[in-house]
Amino acid sequence: MSLKLIITKGIPASGKTTWARKWVNEDSDNRVRVSRDDIRNMLGPYWIRSREGLVSKIEREMVTRALTEGYSVVVDKMNLRSNGDEFRHIVNKNFKDNSIDIEEKDFTDVSLAECLRRDKEREDSVGADIVIDKYKKYIKND
């Protein structure tokens, strides 16, 4: 079985986390999910700007360690600015034998209206302003 690194891509409430959790649960002995949101929540209050560097380091270490230990990984985050380049770099640097298949799971086709509806219904809502801002910044090309 070949290992996979799946990089999700999409605005808040586009379905990334729901899909990633389902994917992991289909083969939980061999798959893990790495989530910046979960890392932030483990560190205390959700978003502290001065801790984002630490969040990034922990995220990269978790991805590297899981792949090294033989787990396929889904990186559950927006990946809209970088397209997951930092994770591709991890694979290229640490796994030169091409043993890791890198895939992108794109959620950018989910409509703004659907994302707003989903965000409003979920417990960990980020709010309409943030969903709209991310949509305008990364999806809508005016």
Foldseek 3Di string as FASTA:
>chain_A
DFAEEEEEAAFAQLCLVVVQVVVCVVPVVAADEQELQVVQVVVPPRDDPVCVVVSVVVSLVVLLVSVVVRHHYYYRDNCQPPVCVVVVVSCVVPPVVPRYHYHYHYSLVRDLVNSQVSLVPDPPRPDSVRSVVCCVVGPDDD
